[in-house]
N, C-alpha and C. Protein backbone atom coordinates (compact mmCIF):
# COMPACT_ATOMS: atom_id res chain seq x y z
N MET A 1 104.42 44.28 92.05
CA MET A 1 102.79 44.63 93.10
C MET A 1 102.82 43.91 94.03
N ARG A 2 102.74 44.71 95.07
CA ARG A 2 102.94 43.89 96.51
C ARG A 2 101.45 43.68 96.99
N LEU A 3 100.79 42.61 97.71
CA LEU A 3 99.54 42.10 98.09
C LEU A 3 99.52 42.12 99.54
N GLU A 4 98.43 42.72 99.92
CA GLU A 4 98.55 42.75 101.78
C GLU A 4 97.20 42.70 102.23
N ARG A 5 96.95 42.09 103.23
CA ARG A 5 95.63 42.09 103.85
C ARG A 5 95.14 43.16 104.33
N VAL A 6 93.88 43.38 104.44
CA VAL A 6 93.59 44.81 105.05
C VAL A 6 93.65 44.55 106.43
N SER A 7 93.83 45.80 107.14
CA SER A 7 93.89 45.51 108.65
C SER A 7 92.66 45.03 109.68
N ALA A 8 91.18 45.25 108.92
CA ALA A 8 90.38 44.95 109.55
C ALA A 8 89.89 43.76 110.15
N SER A 9 89.30 43.58 111.22
CA SER A 9 89.23 42.48 112.18
C SER A 9 88.31 41.41 111.09
N LEU A 10 88.95 40.38 110.57
CA LEU A 10 88.35 39.56 109.87
C LEU A 10 88.69 38.20 110.43
N THR A 11 87.29 37.36 109.87
CA THR A 11 86.91 35.74 110.96
C THR A 11 86.87 34.96 109.56
N GLU A 12 88.25 34.09 109.74
CA GLU A 12 87.90 33.32 108.72
C GLU A 12 87.99 32.02 109.00
N VAL A 13 87.50 30.98 108.08
CA VAL A 13 87.41 29.45 108.62
C VAL A 13 87.79 28.61 106.98
N GLU A 14 88.02 27.31 107.15
CA GLU A 14 88.40 26.64 106.11
C GLU A 14 87.37 25.68 105.72
N VAL A 15 86.92 25.36 104.58
CA VAL A 15 85.87 24.47 104.27
C VAL A 15 86.33 24.00 102.72
N ASP A 16 86.59 22.18 103.44
CA ASP A 16 87.11 21.74 102.07
C ASP A 16 87.84 22.32 101.56
N GLY A 17 89.25 22.61 102.17
CA GLY A 17 90.22 23.18 101.14
C GLY A 17 90.23 24.97 100.69
N GLU A 18 89.08 25.39 101.06
CA GLU A 18 88.59 26.64 100.54
C GLU A 18 88.42 27.46 101.64
N ILE A 19 88.54 28.88 101.81
CA ILE A 19 88.56 29.66 103.13
C ILE A 19 87.11 30.41 102.99
N ALA A 20 86.56 30.49 103.88
CA ALA A 20 85.39 31.29 103.94
C ALA A 20 85.46 32.82 104.98
N ILE A 21 85.49 34.01 104.81
CA ILE A 21 85.53 34.98 105.45
C ILE A 21 84.44 35.94 105.52
N TYR A 22 84.22 36.19 106.71
CA TYR A 22 84.02 37.02 107.18
C TYR A 22 84.21 38.50 107.78
N HIS A 23 83.78 39.54 106.88
CA HIS A 23 84.38 40.82 106.66
C HIS A 23 82.99 41.82 107.60
N PRO A 24 83.57 42.30 108.85
CA PRO A 24 82.86 42.77 109.77
C PRO A 24 82.38 43.95 109.06
N VAL A 25 83.00 44.73 108.27
CA VAL A 25 82.73 46.03 107.53
C VAL A 25 82.02 46.20 106.66
N THR A 26 81.95 44.85 106.11
CA THR A 26 80.83 44.95 104.85
C THR A 26 79.62 43.95 105.37
N ASP A 27 79.76 43.59 106.32
CA ASP A 27 78.85 42.72 106.68
C ASP A 27 78.85 41.46 105.71
N ALA A 28 79.64 40.98 105.17
CA ALA A 28 79.72 39.70 104.04
C ALA A 28 80.59 38.59 104.46
N VAL A 29 79.87 37.60 103.88
CA VAL A 29 80.67 36.43 103.96
C VAL A 29 80.99 35.86 102.77
N VAL A 30 82.49 35.95 102.44
CA VAL A 30 83.17 35.36 101.46
C VAL A 30 83.64 33.99 100.97
N LEU A 31 83.38 33.13 100.50
CA LEU A 31 84.23 32.30 100.29
C LEU A 31 84.68 32.40 99.09
N LEU A 32 86.17 31.85 99.34
CA LEU A 32 87.51 32.51 98.14
C LEU A 32 87.38 30.94 97.50
N ASN A 33 87.86 31.15 96.09
CA ASN A 33 88.02 29.93 95.14
C ASN A 33 89.22 29.74 95.91
N PRO A 34 90.21 28.26 94.97
CA PRO A 34 91.26 27.95 95.20
C PRO A 34 92.48 28.58 95.18
N SER A 35 92.29 29.69 94.05
CA SER A 35 93.37 30.23 93.64
C SER A 35 93.45 31.66 94.41
N ALA A 36 92.23 32.41 94.91
CA ALA A 36 92.02 33.08 95.94
C ALA A 36 92.34 32.55 97.50
N SER A 37 92.10 31.46 97.72
CA SER A 37 92.56 31.02 99.00
C SER A 37 94.00 30.91 99.34
N ALA A 38 94.57 30.64 98.40
CA ALA A 38 96.13 30.54 98.08
C ALA A 38 96.63 31.32 98.40
N ILE A 39 96.19 32.65 97.54
CA ILE A 39 96.90 33.99 97.64
C ILE A 39 96.56 34.44 99.34
N TRP A 40 95.20 33.99 99.89
CA TRP A 40 94.96 34.15 101.23
C TRP A 40 96.13 33.68 102.24
N ARG A 41 96.18 32.71 102.11
CA ARG A 41 97.31 31.79 102.67
C ARG A 41 98.72 32.35 103.04
N LEU A 42 98.89 32.86 101.67
CA LEU A 42 100.40 33.45 101.53
C LEU A 42 100.57 34.82 102.15
N THR A 43 99.19 35.29 102.40
CA THR A 43 99.71 36.67 102.73
C THR A 43 99.53 36.96 104.51
N ALA A 44 99.11 35.50 105.04
CA ALA A 44 98.98 35.43 106.31
C ALA A 44 100.05 36.09 107.08
N ASP A 45 101.29 35.92 106.42
CA ASP A 45 102.41 36.48 107.60
C ASP A 45 103.30 37.70 107.22
N GLY A 46 102.05 38.46 106.20
CA GLY A 46 102.54 39.63 106.15
C GLY A 46 102.49 39.63 104.26
N PRO A 47 102.69 41.08 103.82
CA PRO A 47 102.86 41.53 102.72
C PRO A 47 103.84 40.12 101.20
N VAL A 48 103.18 40.30 100.37
CA VAL A 48 103.94 39.35 99.25
C VAL A 48 104.00 40.21 98.20
N THR A 49 104.72 39.67 96.92
CA THR A 49 104.40 40.12 95.53
C THR A 49 104.07 39.13 94.95
N VAL A 50 103.26 40.03 93.43
CA VAL A 50 102.83 38.84 92.70
C VAL A 50 104.09 37.72 92.13
N GLU A 51 105.33 38.28 91.96
CA GLU A 51 106.32 37.86 91.38
C GLU A 51 106.64 36.35 92.50
N GLU A 52 106.30 36.88 93.98
CA GLU A 52 106.55 35.64 94.63
C GLU A 52 105.57 34.47 94.66
N VAL A 53 103.82 34.85 94.41
CA VAL A 53 103.20 34.02 94.61
C VAL A 53 102.89 33.04 93.14
N VAL A 54 102.93 34.00 92.26
CA VAL A 54 102.75 33.08 90.80
C VAL A 54 103.50 31.61 90.61
N PRO A 55 104.92 31.49 90.89
CA PRO A 55 105.42 30.06 90.69
C PRO A 55 104.97 29.49 92.28
N LEU A 56 104.53 29.76 92.81
CA LEU A 56 104.46 28.73 94.48
C LEU A 56 102.70 28.45 94.23
N LEU A 57 101.92 29.31 93.07
CA LEU A 57 100.70 28.59 92.75
C LEU A 57 101.10 27.51 92.01
N ALA A 58 101.88 27.95 90.91
CA ALA A 58 102.17 26.86 89.59
C ALA A 58 102.83 25.80 90.33
N GLU A 59 103.48 25.76 90.91
CA GLU A 59 104.18 24.18 91.52
C GLU A 59 103.06 23.74 92.62
N ALA A 60 102.11 24.37 93.32
CA ALA A 60 101.13 23.81 94.26
C ALA A 60 100.12 23.14 93.38
N PHE A 61 99.60 24.15 91.89
CA PHE A 61 98.30 23.57 91.30
C PHE A 61 98.93 22.64 90.26
N GLY A 62 100.52 22.47 90.14
CA GLY A 62 100.70 21.69 88.78
C GLY A 62 100.47 22.43 87.61
N ILE A 63 100.37 23.56 87.51
CA ILE A 63 100.11 24.28 86.07
C ILE A 63 101.64 25.20 85.75
N ASP A 64 101.60 25.53 84.32
CA ASP A 64 102.58 26.65 83.72
C ASP A 64 102.22 27.77 84.42
N PRO A 65 103.36 28.53 84.70
CA PRO A 65 103.22 30.09 84.60
C PRO A 65 102.35 30.92 84.69
N ALA A 66 102.12 31.18 83.11
CA ALA A 66 101.21 31.84 82.58
C ALA A 66 100.32 31.50 83.27
N GLU A 67 99.34 30.23 83.26
CA GLU A 67 98.05 30.05 83.84
C GLU A 67 98.14 30.35 85.40
N ALA A 68 98.99 30.15 86.03
CA ALA A 68 99.11 30.49 87.29
C ALA A 68 98.83 31.98 87.23
N ARG A 69 99.46 32.90 86.60
CA ARG A 69 99.45 34.16 86.36
C ARG A 69 98.03 34.65 86.58
N ARG A 70 97.53 33.79 85.42
CA ARG A 70 96.18 34.05 85.20
C ARG A 70 95.20 33.78 86.61
N GLY A 71 95.30 32.76 87.17
CA GLY A 71 94.66 32.65 88.11
C GLY A 71 95.02 33.50 89.05
N VAL A 72 96.49 33.99 89.43
CA VAL A 72 96.73 35.04 90.47
C VAL A 72 95.58 36.22 90.24
N ALA A 73 95.94 36.70 89.03
CA ALA A 73 95.09 37.92 88.65
C ALA A 73 93.69 37.82 88.89
N ALA A 74 92.71 36.50 88.73
CA ALA A 74 91.58 36.37 88.77
C ALA A 74 91.27 36.31 90.75
N GLY A 75 92.34 35.54 91.30
CA GLY A 75 92.63 35.83 92.75
C GLY A 75 92.35 36.98 93.32
N ILE A 76 93.02 37.74 92.74
CA ILE A 76 93.78 39.14 93.42
C ILE A 76 92.23 39.95 92.93
N GLU A 77 91.78 39.78 91.81
CA GLU A 77 90.30 40.67 91.89
C GLU A 77 89.66 40.57 92.95
N VAL A 78 88.95 39.00 93.29
CA VAL A 78 88.00 38.83 93.88
C VAL A 78 88.49 39.33 95.32
N LEU A 79 89.75 39.05 95.79
CA LEU A 79 90.34 39.64 97.23
C LEU A 79 90.38 41.42 97.27
N VAL A 80 90.12 41.96 96.15
CA VAL A 80 90.13 43.38 96.54
C VAL A 80 88.74 44.05 96.12
N ASP A 81 87.71 43.17 95.39
CA ASP A 81 86.62 43.46 94.98
C ASP A 81 85.96 43.23 96.15
N GLU A 82 86.39 42.18 97.19
CA GLU A 82 85.42 42.07 98.70
C GLU A 82 86.17 42.79 99.96
N GLN A 83 87.17 43.81 99.47
CA GLN A 83 87.88 44.46 100.12
C GLN A 83 88.61 43.67 101.44
N LEU A 84 89.48 42.55 100.63
CA LEU A 84 90.02 41.94 101.58
C LEU A 84 91.61 41.92 101.97
N LEU A 85 91.72 42.49 100.49
CA LEU A 85 93.26 42.78 100.14
C LEU A 85 93.62 44.23 99.50
N LEU A 86 94.37 44.62 99.93
CA LEU A 86 95.35 46.13 99.46
C LEU A 86 96.36 45.48 98.44
N VAL A 87 96.42 46.35 97.30
CA VAL A 87 97.49 46.30 96.15
C VAL A 87 98.24 47.39 95.89
N ASP A 88 99.60 47.27 96.33
CA ASP A 88 100.31 48.42 95.86
C ASP A 88 101.20 48.50 94.52
N ALA A 89 101.03 49.20 93.97
CA ALA A 89 101.79 49.14 92.62
C ALA A 89 103.27 49.40 92.78
N PRO A 90 104.02 48.92 91.87
CA PRO A 90 105.21 48.96 92.04
C PRO A 90 105.51 50.61 91.92
């Protein structure tokens, strides 16, 4: 599964290690949780896959891969629901 930021002109700021994003199309400000913030950072330079993200989050948060996978799934859900991230199925 490939993760990619939407192409809208978004404004983001970091607040205490988490990211707040203003989406001009939806006129919403979204404060991302730590998992969603980490995923957002990893997509800064282009698309990434879930398989790439899970081990990085496991290492960054000091958790096992199964727990990291659940965190990634939750983060993706937030980012997709807020129209910030596009997901391409394999």
